C-alpha atoms as a PDB file:
ATOM      1  CA  MET A   1     -17.125  -9.468  35.265  1.00  0.00           C
ATOM      2  CA  ASP A   2     -18.494 -12.974  35.844  1.00  0.00           C
ATOM      3  CA  PHE A   3     -20.399 -13.987  32.733  1.00  0.00           C
ATOM      4  CA  LEU A   4     -22.433 -16.522  34.693  1.00  0.00           C
ATOM      5  CA  ASN A   5     -23.611 -13.585  36.820  1.00  0.00           C
ATOM      6  CA  PRO A   6     -24.303 -10.551  34.591  1.00  0.00           C
ATOM      7  CA  GLU A   7     -24.497  -8.101  37.480  1.00  0.00           C
ATOM      8  CA  PRO A   8     -21.225  -6.181  37.995  1.00  0.00           C
ATOM      9  CA  GLU A   9     -19.074  -7.521  40.786  1.00  0.00           C
ATOM     10  CA  GLU A  10     -15.965  -6.031  42.341  1.00  0.00           C
ATOM     11  CA  LYS A  11     -13.688  -5.013  39.538  1.00  0.00           C
ATOM     12  CA  LYS A  12     -10.894  -7.480  39.087  1.00  0.00           C
ATOM     13  CA  LYS A  13      -7.449  -6.001  38.803  1.00  0.00           C
ATOM     14  CA  PHE A  14      -5.226  -7.514  36.150  1.00  0.00           C
ATOM     15  CA  THR A  15      -1.534  -6.812  36.224  1.00  0.00           C
ATOM     16  CA  GLU A  16       1.029  -7.683  33.612  1.00  0.00           C
ATOM     17  CA  PRO A  17       3.574 -10.331  34.591  1.00  0.00           C
ATOM     18  CA  ARG A  18       6.777  -8.758  35.823  1.00  0.00           C
ATOM     19  CA  TYR A  19       9.593  -8.785  33.292  1.00  0.00           C
ATOM     20  CA  ASP A  20      12.712  -6.808  33.934  1.00  0.00           C
ATOM     21  CA  ASP A  21      14.027  -4.763  31.078  1.00  0.00           C
ATOM     22  CA  ILE A  22      17.397  -5.605  29.590  1.00  0.00           C
ATOM     23  CA  TYR A  23      19.993  -4.452  32.095  1.00  0.00           C
ATOM     24  CA  TYR A  24      23.692  -4.409  31.355  1.00  0.00           C
ATOM     25  CA  GLU A  25      26.550  -4.940  33.768  1.00  0.00           C
ATOM     26  CA  GLY A  26      27.474  -1.797  35.643  1.00  0.00           C
ATOM     27  CA  VAL A  27      24.120  -0.072  34.992  1.00  0.00           C
ATOM     28  CA  ALA A  28      22.037   0.703  38.056  1.00  0.00           C
ATOM     29  CA  ALA A  29      18.442  -0.521  38.056  1.00  0.00           C
ATOM     30  CA  LEU A  30      15.428  -0.401  40.352  1.00  0.00           C
ATOM     31  CA  ASP A  31      12.866  -3.091  40.969  1.00  0.00           C
ATOM     32  CA  LYS A  32       9.708  -2.187  39.038  1.00  0.00           C
ATOM     33  CA  ILE A  33       7.419  -3.152  41.914  1.00  0.00           C
ATOM     34  CA  SER A  34       9.270  -2.343  45.139  1.00  0.00           C
ATOM     35  CA  GLY A  35      11.512   0.392  43.798  1.00  0.00           C
ATOM     36  CA  GLU A  36      14.437  -1.149  45.641  1.00  0.00           C
ATOM     37  CA  PRO A  37      17.846  -1.407  43.937  1.00  0.00           C
ATOM     38  CA  ILE A  38      18.415  -4.684  42.173  1.00  0.00           C
ATOM     39  CA  THR A  39      21.606  -6.494  43.072  1.00  0.00           C
ATOM     40  CA  GLU A  40      23.958  -7.742  40.414  1.00  0.00           C
ATOM     41  CA  GLN A  41      22.886 -11.330  41.084  1.00  0.00           C
ATOM     42  CA  GLU A  42      19.258 -10.374  40.461  1.00  0.00           C
ATOM     43  CA  LEU A  43      19.867  -8.761  37.107  1.00  0.00           C
ATOM     44  CA  VAL A  44      18.315 -10.883  34.365  1.00  0.00           C
ATOM     45  CA  ILE A  45      18.602 -10.278  30.647  1.00  0.00           C
ATOM     46  CA  HIS A  46      15.468 -11.299  28.776  1.00  0.00           C
ATOM     47  CA  ASP A  47      15.440 -12.006  25.093  1.00  0.00           C
ATOM     48  CA  PRO A  48      13.061  -9.409  23.561  1.00  0.00           C
ATOM     49  CA  PHE A  49      12.103 -11.954  20.918  1.00  0.00           C
ATOM     50  CA  ASP A  50      11.237 -14.717  23.384  1.00  0.00           C
ATOM     51  CA  PRO A  51       7.513 -15.505  22.853  1.00  0.00           C
ATOM     52  CA  ALA A  52       7.172 -16.748  26.444  1.00  0.00           C
ATOM     53  CA  ARG A  53       6.678 -13.205  27.724  1.00  0.00           C
ATOM     54  CA  ILE A  54       3.844 -12.597  25.290  1.00  0.00           C
ATOM     55  CA  ASP A  55       2.291 -15.944  26.178  1.00  0.00           C
ATOM     56  CA  ASP A  56       2.263 -14.947  29.862  1.00  0.00           C
ATOM     57  CA  LEU A  57       0.995 -11.485  29.016  1.00  0.00           C
ATOM     58  CA  LEU A  58      -1.961 -12.895  27.083  1.00  0.00           C
ATOM     59  CA  LYS A  59      -2.865 -15.657  29.550  1.00  0.00           C
ATOM     60  CA  ASN A  60      -5.531 -13.511  31.236  1.00  0.00           C
ATOM     61  CA  PHE A  61      -6.980 -12.677  27.827  1.00  0.00           C
ATOM     62  CA  HIS A  62      -7.200 -16.362  26.899  1.00  0.00           C
ATOM     63  CA  ASP A  63      -8.946 -17.185  30.174  1.00  0.00           C
ATOM     64  CA  GLU A  64     -11.491 -14.392  29.779  1.00  0.00           C
ATOM     65  CA  VAL A  65     -12.153 -15.201  26.097  1.00  0.00           C
ATOM     66  CA  ASP A  66     -12.792 -18.848  27.042  1.00  0.00           C
ATOM     67  CA  LYS A  67     -15.426 -17.688  29.528  1.00  0.00           C
ATOM     68  CA  MET A  68     -16.998 -15.380  26.977  1.00  0.00           C
ATOM     69  CA  ALA A  69     -17.102 -18.081  24.325  1.00  0.00           C
ATOM     70  CA  GLN A  70     -18.764 -20.515  26.734  1.00  0.00           C
ATOM     71  CA  LYS A  71     -21.485 -18.040  27.646  1.00  0.00           C
ATOM     72  CA  ALA A  72     -21.987 -16.881  24.038  1.00  0.00           C
ATOM     73  CA  GLN A  73     -22.744 -20.472  23.000  1.00  0.00           C
ATOM     74  CA  SER A  74     -25.671 -20.683  25.409  1.00  0.00           C
ATOM     75  CA  ILE A  75     -27.044 -17.138  25.241  1.00  0.00           C
ATOM     76  CA  VAL A  76     -30.780 -16.881  24.491  1.00  0.00           C
ATOM     77  CA  VAL A  77     -32.641 -13.579  24.098  1.00  0.00           C
ATOM     78  CA  ILE A  78     -36.363 -13.914  24.840  1.00  0.00           C
ATOM     79  CA  ASP A  79     -37.301 -10.730  26.726  1.00  0.00           C
ATOM     80  CA  ASP A  80     -36.040  -7.290  27.736  1.00  0.00           C
ATOM     81  CA  ALA A  81     -34.066  -8.661  30.661  1.00  0.00           C
ATOM     82  CA  SER A  82     -32.208 -11.288  28.642  1.00  0.00           C
ATOM     83  CA  CYS A  83     -31.632  -8.747  25.857  1.00  0.00           C
ATOM     84  CA  HIS A  84     -30.145  -6.369  28.437  1.00  0.00           C
ATOM     85  CA  ILE A  85     -27.824  -9.122  29.663  1.00  0.00           C
ATOM     86  CA  ALA A  86     -26.752 -10.023  26.109  1.00  0.00           C
ATOM     87  CA  THR A  87     -26.105  -6.358  25.297  1.00  0.00           C
ATOM     88  CA  LEU A  88     -24.075  -5.967  28.475  1.00  0.00           C
ATOM     89  CA  MET A  89     -21.965  -8.996  27.606  1.00  0.00           C
ATOM     90  CA  GLU A  90     -21.477  -7.814  24.035  1.00  0.00           C
ATOM     91  CA  GLY A  91     -20.231  -4.494  25.367  1.00  0.00           C
ATOM     92  CA  GLN A  92     -17.850  -6.259  27.723  1.00  0.00           C
ATOM     93  CA  ALA A  93     -16.523  -8.293  24.803  1.00  0.00           C
ATOM     94  CA  GLY A  94     -15.995  -5.037  22.934  1.00  0.00           C
ATOM     95  CA  GLN A  95     -14.085  -3.614  25.895  1.00  0.00           C
ATOM     96  CA  LEU A  96     -11.906  -6.704  26.023  1.00  0.00           C
ATOM     97  CA  TYR A  97     -11.278  -6.381  22.298  1.00  0.00           C
ATOM     98  CA  ASN A  98     -10.222  -2.753  22.757  1.00  0.00           C
ATOM     99  CA  ALA A  99      -7.887  -3.742  25.620  1.00  0.00           C
ATOM    100  CA  LEU A 100      -6.406  -6.509  23.491  1.00  0.00           C
ATOM    101  CA  GLU A 101      -5.842  -4.126  20.587  1.00  0.00           C
ATOM    102  CA  LYS A 102      -4.247  -1.608  22.924  1.00  0.00           C
ATOM    103  CA  THR A 103      -1.918  -4.336  24.173  1.00  0.00           C
ATOM    104  CA  ARG A 104      -1.032  -5.327  20.623  1.00  0.00           C
ATOM    105  CA  VAL A 105      -0.150  -1.766  19.661  1.00  0.00           C
ATOM    106  CA  LYS A 106       1.853  -1.244  22.855  1.00  0.00           C
ATOM    107  CA  GLU A 107       3.844  -4.467  22.489  1.00  0.00           C
ATOM    108  CA  LYS A 108       4.587  -3.888  18.825  1.00  0.00           C
ATOM    109  CA  ALA A 109       5.551  -0.240  19.223  1.00  0.00           C
ATOM    110  CA  PRO A 110       9.307  -0.616  19.932  1.00  0.00           C
ATOM    111  CA  TYR A 111       9.695  -3.273  17.250  1.00  0.00           C
ATOM    112  CA  LYS A 112       7.600  -1.313  14.774  1.00  0.00           C
ATOM    113  CA  LYS A 113       9.751   1.769  15.216  1.00  0.00           C
ATOM    114  CA  MET A 114      12.844  -0.251  14.416  1.00  0.00           C
ATOM    115  CA  THR A 115      11.280  -2.159  11.504  1.00  0.00           C
ATOM    116  CA  ASP A 116       9.927   1.111  10.096  1.00  0.00           C
ATOM    117  CA  TYR A 117      13.398   2.586  10.390  1.00  0.00           C
ATOM    118  CA  ILE A 118      14.938  -0.450   8.705  1.00  0.00           C
ATOM    119  CA  ASP A 119      12.295  -0.517   5.960  1.00  0.00           C
ATOM    120  CA  GLY A 120      12.648   3.216   5.402  1.00  0.00           C
ATOM    121  CA  ASN A 121      16.411   3.100   5.034  1.00  0.00           C
ATOM    122  CA  ILE A 122      16.588  -0.137   3.093  1.00  0.00           C
ATOM    123  CA  GLY A 123      13.576   0.872   1.017  1.00  0.00           C
ATOM    124  CA  GLY A 124      15.286   4.125   0.061  1.00  0.00           C
ATOM    125  CA  LEU A 125      18.465   2.310  -0.921  1.00  0.00           C
ATOM    126  CA  ALA A 126      16.507  -0.334  -2.813  1.00  0.00           C
ATOM    127  CA  LYS A 127      14.654   2.369  -4.750  1.00  0.00           C
ATOM    128  CA  ARG A 128      17.927   4.044  -5.720  1.00  0.00           C
ATOM    129  CA  ILE A 129      19.404   0.710  -6.793  1.00  0.00           C
ATOM    130  CA  GLN A 130      16.373  -0.011  -8.971  1.00  0.00           C
ATOM    131  CA  GLN A 131      16.692   3.445 -10.519  1.00  0.00           C
ATOM    132  CA  ILE A 132      20.362   2.748 -11.237  1.00  0.00           C
ATOM    133  CA  ARG A 133      19.488  -0.608 -12.803  1.00  0.00           C
ATOM    134  CA  GLN A 134      16.863   1.094 -14.931  1.00  0.00           C
ATOM    135  CA  ARG A 135      19.479   3.575 -16.094  1.00  0.00           C
ATOM    136  CA  PHE A 136      21.591   0.643 -17.251  1.00  0.00           C
ATOM    137  CA  ASN A 137      18.630  -1.274 -18.664  1.00  0.00           C
ATOM    138  CA  LEU A 138      17.550   1.467 -21.052  1.00  0.00           C
ATOM    139  CA  PRO A 139      20.726   1.616 -23.211  1.00  0.00           C
ATOM    140  CA  ILE A 140      21.146  -2.176 -22.944  1.00  0.00           C
ATOM    141  CA  THR A 141      17.614  -2.686 -24.225  1.00  0.00           C
ATOM    142  CA  GLN A 142      18.142  -0.209 -27.052  1.00  0.00           C
ATOM    143  CA  TYR A 143      21.384  -1.910 -28.111  1.00  0.00           C
ATOM    144  CA  LEU A 144      19.952  -5.423 -27.920  1.00  0.00           C
ATOM    145  CA  ALA A 145      16.878  -4.290 -29.861  1.00  0.00           C
ATOM    146  CA  LYS A 146      19.160  -2.941 -32.588  1.00  0.00           C
ATOM    147  CA  LYS A 147      21.116  -6.190 -32.707  1.00  0.00           C
ATOM    148  CA  GLU A 148      17.887  -8.188 -32.758  1.00  0.00           C
ATOM    149  CA  ASN A 149      16.643  -6.203 -35.766  1.00  0.00           C
ATOM    150  CA  GLU A 150      19.947  -6.910 -37.505  1.00  0.00           C
ATOM    151  CA  ARG A 151      19.656 -10.586 -36.623  1.00  0.00           C
ATOM    152  CA  ARG A 152      16.122 -10.784 -38.008  1.00  0.00           C
ATOM    153  CA  GLU A 153      17.216  -9.065 -41.205  1.00  0.00           C
ATOM    154  CA  ALA A 154      20.074 -11.551 -41.588  1.00  0.00           C
ATOM    155  CA  GLU A 155      17.631 -14.373 -40.875  1.00  0.00           C
ATOM    156  CA  ARG A 156      15.249 -13.061 -43.544  1.00  0.00           C
ATOM    157  CA  LYS A 157      18.024 -12.878 -46.119  1.00  0.00           C
ATOM    158  CA  ALA A 158      19.233 -16.347 -45.171  1.00  0.00           C
ATOM    159  CA  LYS A 159      15.732 -17.741 -45.644  1.00  0.00           C
ATOM    160  CA  GLU A 160      15.462 -16.091 -49.058  1.00  0.00           C
ATOM    161  CA  GLU A 161      18.843 -17.496 -50.114  1.00  0.00           C
ATOM    162  CA  ALA A 162      17.911 -20.948 -48.836  1.00  0.00           C
ATOM    163  CA  ALA A 163      14.650 -20.814 -50.766  1.00  0.00           C
ATOM    164  CA  ARG A 164      16.501 -19.784 -53.945  1.00  0.00           C
ATOM    165  CA  LEU A 165      19.034 -22.607 -53.634  1.00  0.00           C
ATOM    166  CA  GLN A 166      16.289 -25.099 -52.813  1.00  0.00           C
ATOM    167  CA  ALA A 167      14.400 -24.052 -55.941  1.00  0.00           C
ATOM    168  CA  GLU A 168      17.524 -24.535 -58.091  1.00  0.00           C
ATOM    169  CA  LEU A 169      18.170 -28.014 -56.682  1.00  0.00           C
ATOM    170  CA  ASP A 170      14.550 -29.029 -57.066  1.00  0.00           C
ATOM    171  CA  GLU A 171      14.548 -27.850 -60.681  1.00  0.00           C
ATOM    172  CA  LYS A 172      17.762 -29.743 -61.403  1.00  0.00           C
ATOM    173  CA  ALA A 173      16.308 -32.925 -59.907  1.00  0.00           C
ATOM    174  CA  ARG A 174      13.115 -32.477 -61.955  1.00  0.00           C
ATOM    175  CA  ILE A 175      15.106 -32.170 -65.189  1.00  0.00           C
ATOM    176  CA  GLU A 176      17.137 -35.275 -64.324  1.00  0.00           C
ATOM    177  CA  ARG A 177      13.961 -37.263 -63.630  1.00  0.00           C
ATOM    178  CA  GLU A 178      12.417 -36.188 -66.942  1.00  0.00           C
ATOM    179  CA  LYS A 179      15.655 -37.056 -68.779  1.00  0.00           C
ATOM    180  CA  ALA A 180      15.883 -40.481 -67.139  1.00  0.00           C
ATOM    181  CA  ALA A 181      12.216 -41.155 -67.883  1.00  0.00           C
ATOM    182  CA  GLU A 182      12.548 -40.115 -71.524  1.00  0.00           C
ATOM    183  CA  GLU A 183      15.656 -42.276 -72.055  1.00  0.00           C
ATOM    184  CA  ALA A 184      13.923 -45.279 -70.482  1.00  0.00           C
ATOM    185  CA  ARG A 185      10.821 -44.717 -72.597  1.00  0.00           C
ATOM    186  CA  LEU A 186      12.816 -44.561 -75.889  1.00  0.00           C
ATOM    187  CA  LYS A 187      14.829 -47.659 -74.951  1.00  0.00           C
ATOM    188  CA  ALA A 188      11.648 -49.609 -74.242  1.00  0.00           C
ATOM    189  CA  ILE A 189      10.134 -48.580 -77.579  1.00  0.00           C
ATOM    190  CA  GLU A 190      13.346 -49.618 -79.395  1.00  0.00           C
ATOM    191  CA  GLU A 191      13.092 -53.010 -77.695  1.00  0.00           C
ATOM    192  CA  GLY A 192       9.577 -53.384 -79.095  1.00  0.00           C
ATOM    193  CA  LYS A 193       7.709 -53.019 -75.855  1.00  0.00           C
ATOM    194  CA  THR A 194       4.181 -51.677 -75.753  1.00  0.00           C
ATOM    195  CA  LYS A 195       3.366 -48.072 -74.979  1.00  0.00           C
ATOM    196  CA  LYS A 196       2.044 -49.069 -71.573  1.00  0.00           C
ATOM    197  CA  GLN A 197       5.228 -50.986 -70.805  1.00  0.00           C
ATOM    198  CA  ALA A 198       7.333 -48.055 -72.017  1.00  0.00           C
ATOM    199  CA  GLU A 199       5.480 -45.650 -69.644  1.00  0.00           C
ATOM    200  CA  ALA A 200       6.053 -48.040 -66.762  1.00  0.00           C
ATOM    201  CA  GLU A 201       9.776 -48.170 -67.546  1.00  0.00           C
ATOM    202  CA  ALA A 202       9.838 -44.355 -67.698  1.00  0.00           C
ATOM    203  CA  LYS A 203       8.163 -44.025 -64.278  1.00  0.00           C
ATOM    204  CA  HIS A 204      10.554 -46.539 -62.762  1.00  0.00           C
ATOM    205  CA  ALA A 205      13.581 -44.717 -64.163  1.00  0.00           C
ATOM    206  CA  ALA A 206      12.306 -41.363 -62.857  1.00  0.00           C
ATOM    207  CA  ALA A 207      11.792 -42.840 -59.384  1.00  0.00           C
ATOM    208  CA  LEU A 208      15.426 -43.958 -59.280  1.00  0.00           C
ATOM    209  CA  VAL A 209      16.620 -40.357 -59.496  1.00  0.00           C
ATOM    210  CA  GLU A 210      17.343 -39.045 -55.991  1.00  0.00           C
ATOM    211  CA  ASP A 211      15.344 -36.115 -54.661  1.00  0.00           C
ATOM    212  CA  ALA A 212      17.107 -32.792 -54.235  1.00  0.00           C
ATOM    213  CA  PRO A 213      18.692 -32.362 -50.795  1.00  0.00           C
ATOM    214  CA  THR A 214      16.853 -30.088 -48.393  1.00  0.00           C
ATOM    215  CA  ILE A 215      18.613 -26.829 -47.674  1.00  0.00           C
ATOM    216  CA  VAL A 216      18.891 -26.328 -43.911  1.00  0.00           C
ATOM    217  CA  MET A 217      19.240 -22.689 -42.963  1.00  0.00           C
ATOM    218  CA  GLU A 218      21.491 -21.906 -40.052  1.00  0.00           C
ATOM    219  CA  ALA A 219      19.587 -19.166 -38.224  1.00  0.00           C
ATOM    220  CA  PRO A 220      21.679 -16.419 -36.624  1.00  0.00           C
ATOM    221  CA  ALA A 221      21.908 -16.962 -32.881  1.00  0.00           C
ATOM    222  CA  GLU A 222      20.130 -14.561 -30.534  1.00  0.00           C
ATOM    223  CA  LEU A 223      22.483 -12.176 -28.796  1.00  0.00           C
ATOM    224  CA  LYS A 224      23.026 -12.833 -25.093  1.00  0.00           C
ATOM    225  CA  ILE A 225      25.510 -10.895 -22.991  1.00  0.00           C
ATOM    226  CA  ASN A 226      27.098 -12.973 -20.222  1.00  0.00           C
ATOM    227  CA  THR A 227      29.112 -11.456 -17.374  1.00  0.00           C
ATOM    228  CA  ASP A 228      30.363 -12.580 -13.974  1.00  0.00           C
ATOM    229  CA  ALA A 229      27.480 -10.662 -12.352  1.00  0.00           C
ATOM    230  CA  GLY A 230      24.681 -11.874 -14.606  1.00  0.00           C
ATOM    231  CA  SER A 231      23.403 -11.846 -18.168  1.00  0.00           C
ATOM    232  CA  ALA A 232      21.171  -9.832 -20.463  1.00  0.00           C
ATOM    233  CA  LYS A 233      19.048 -10.789 -23.466  1.00  0.00           C
ATOM    234  CA  LEU A 234      15.806  -9.744 -25.064  1.00  0.00           C
ATOM    235  CA  ALA A 235      12.878 -11.971 -24.133  1.00  0.00           C
ATOM    236  CA  GLU A 236       9.704 -11.667 -26.170  1.00  0.00           C
ATOM    237  CA  SER A 237       6.242 -12.455 -24.834  1.00  0.00           C
ATOM    238  CA  TRP A 238       2.661 -11.685 -25.774  1.00  0.00           C
ATOM    239  CA  ASP A 239       0.998  -8.682 -24.134  1.00  0.00           C
ATOM    240  CA  PHE A 240      -2.425  -7.093 -24.523  1.00  0.00           C
ATOM    241  CA  GLU A 241      -4.484  -3.957 -23.998  1.00  0.00           C
ATOM    242  CA  ILE A 242      -8.220  -4.110 -23.318  1.00  0.00           C
ATOM    243  CA  LEU A 243      -9.763  -1.425 -25.517  1.00  0.00           C
ATOM    244  CA  ASN A 244     -13.448  -1.995 -24.670  1.00  0.00           C
ATOM    245  CA  PRO A 245     -14.347  -4.300 -21.747  1.00  0.00           C
ATOM    246  CA  MET A 246     -17.999  -4.284 -22.826  1.00  0.00           C
ATOM    247  CA  MET A 247     -17.006  -6.191 -25.978  1.00  0.00           C
ATOM    248  CA  LEU A 248     -15.315  -9.025 -24.098  1.00  0.00           C
ATOM    249  CA  PRO A 249     -17.027 -12.434 -24.416  1.00  0.00           C
ATOM    250  CA  GLU A 250     -19.565 -13.369 -21.742  1.00  0.00           C
ATOM    251  CA  SER A 251     -17.334 -16.192 -20.533  1.00  0.00           C
ATOM    252  CA  ALA A 252     -14.754 -13.628 -19.381  1.00  0.00           C
ATOM    253  CA  PHE A 253     -17.264 -12.260 -16.865  1.00  0.00           C
ATOM    254  CA  LYS A 254     -18.937 -15.559 -16.020  1.00  0.00           C
ATOM    255  CA  ILE A 255     -15.844 -17.227 -14.576  1.00  0.00           C
ATOM    256  CA  ARG A 256     -14.887 -14.026 -12.724  1.00  0.00           C
ATOM    257  CA  ARG A 257     -18.326 -13.025 -11.501  1.00  0.00           C
ATOM    258  CA  GLU A 258     -17.278 -12.543  -7.863  1.00  0.00           C
ATOM    259  CA  GLN A 259     -14.279 -10.376  -8.783  1.00  0.00           C
ATOM    260  CA  VAL A 260     -16.397  -8.212 -11.104  1.00  0.00           C
ATOM    261  CA  ILE A 261     -19.098  -7.745  -8.453  1.00  0.00           C
ATOM    262  CA  ALA A 262     -16.489  -6.874  -5.819  1.00  0.00           C
ATOM    263  CA  ALA A 263     -14.985  -4.260  -8.144  1.00  0.00           C
ATOM    264  CA  MET A 264     -18.402  -2.697  -8.822  1.00  0.00           C
ATOM    265  CA  LYS A 265     -19.649  -2.662  -5.207  1.00  0.00           C
ATOM    266  CA  PRO A 266     -17.953   0.619  -4.170  1.00  0.00           C
ATOM    267  CA  TRP A 267     -19.625   2.472  -7.039  1.00  0.00           C
ATOM    268  CA  VAL A 268     -23.037   0.918  -6.357  1.00  0.00           C
ATOM    269  CA  SER A 269     -22.680   1.659  -2.630  1.00  0.00           C
ATOM    270  CA  SER A 270     -21.918   5.324  -3.289  1.00  0.00           C
ATOM    271  CA  GLN A 271     -24.962   5.589  -5.554  1.00  0.00           C
ATOM    272  CA  VAL A 272     -27.258   4.060  -2.927  1.00  0.00           C
ATOM    273  CA  LYS A 273     -25.852   6.317  -0.181  1.00  0.00           C
ATOM    274  CA  ASN A 274     -26.522   9.334  -2.423  1.00  0.00           C
ATOM    275  CA  GLY A 275     -30.194   8.438  -2.639  1.00  0.00           C
ATOM    276  CA  ILE A 276     -30.328   6.466  -5.888  1.00  0.00           C
ATOM    277  CA  ARG A 277     -32.964   3.726  -5.558  1.00  0.00           C
ATOM    278  CA  GLU A 278     -33.031   2.275  -9.058  1.00  0.00           C
ATOM    279  CA  ILE A 279     -29.954   0.916 -10.841  1.00  0.00           C
ATOM    280  CA  SER A 280     -30.176  -1.429 -13.770  1.00  0.00           C
ATOM    281  CA  GLY A 281     -29.077  -4.920 -12.748  1.00  0.00           C
ATOM    282  CA  VAL A 282     -29.155  -4.086  -9.020  1.00  0.00           C
ATOM    283  CA  ARG A 283     -31.785  -4.917  -6.367  1.00  0.00           C
ATOM    284  CA  ILE A 284     -31.909  -2.183  -3.725  1.00  0.00           C
ATOM    285  CA  PHE A 285     -33.635  -3.013  -0.432  1.00  0.00           C
ATOM    286  CA  LYS A 286     -33.694  -2.101   3.242  1.00  0.00           C
ATOM    287  CA  VAL A 287     -31.963  -4.223   5.889  1.00  0.00           C
ATOM    288  CA  ALA A 288     -31.891  -3.964   9.672  1.00  0.00           C
ATOM    289  CA  LYS A 289     -28.408  -4.291  11.164  1.00  0.00           C
ATOM    290  CA  LEU A 290     -27.493  -4.358  14.827  1.00  0.00           C
ATOM    291  CA  LYS A 291     -25.477  -1.315  15.831  1.00  0.00           C
ATOM    292  CA  THR A 292     -23.565  -1.560  19.081  1.00  0.00           C
ATOM    293  CA  ALA A 293     -21.415   0.925  20.957  1.00  0.00           C
ATOM    294  CA  THR A 294     -18.721   0.113  23.494  1.00  0.00           C
ATOM    295  CA  LYS A 295     -18.258   2.475  26.439  1.00  0.00           C
ATOM    296  CA  ARG A 296     -14.736   3.751  26.785  1.00  0.00           C
ATOM    297  CA  ASP A 297     -14.951   4.673  30.442  1.00  0.00           C
ATOM    298  CA  TYR A 298     -15.488   1.116  31.667  1.00  0.00           C
ATOM    299  CA  LYS A 299     -12.278   0.141  33.493  1.00  0.00           C
ATOM    300  CA  THR A 300     -12.679  -3.623  33.976  1.00  0.00           C
ATOM    301  CA  PHE A 301     -10.063  -4.522  31.401  1.00  0.00           C
ATOM    302  CA  GLU A 302      -8.013  -1.357  31.639  1.00  0.00           C
ATOM    303  CA  LYS A 303      -4.957  -3.110  33.088  1.00  0.00           C
ATOM    304  CA  PHE A 304      -5.303  -6.361  31.231  1.00  0.00           C
END
């Protein structure tokens, strides 16, 4: 179909570039076009993953799409005739799309069968392995949780003991400061100093007494199991459960407005399709959308 001339012309026949299948030495083969036997010297092994074959296969598609794109840029619909031409071209584009999709499915088929087979087998093994790991993880988690509770209890007791010792040392230092201050005060009075001078001497003497040392608690180390194949330990993190989404702050919806609307659209659409015409927070209106249909029996691109 010439897009510069919308009237149908003689149907152009498109044939795929010839690519011999993979032939192995000693295996008889026939030429795909002539049907004649292929000599040993003519046998060619093509790499099934070589993109060159696909590039050649799609060359006709690229050429036709370039023509379509050029015409689509300049299309103007002003009357029934031009609308008919535009509709014809749109249908031809749809036919080309269908041919392209058919080619995609055909070319992927042998690879898809193998990848599906690989994914199915490996996926089944992977699932079993994960189930096995989970079987190990459960008792490991239970044991590590038990040891973590014991560690926290030991940590709590250590903190209590540290606090008790710190209190004793602080009290001892307080008594020593009071004793030093009192001795300095009495000495100053005996030397005939004023009450104000005696208080100053007492404060100075108290300041010379060293503060009690700070008790540093040595926290029990977290349990971590190390092996040649890996390690295991409990890792804590914060989690949450949304109990009532309607009580979330407005900012939670404001910054995710598009995601919220996208999540609600299927429900709103089903309501509108069922005849509901009033929904709080929703504007319901009629729109006119172009509906096109592509004929399946048009053979122009059948052998693309």
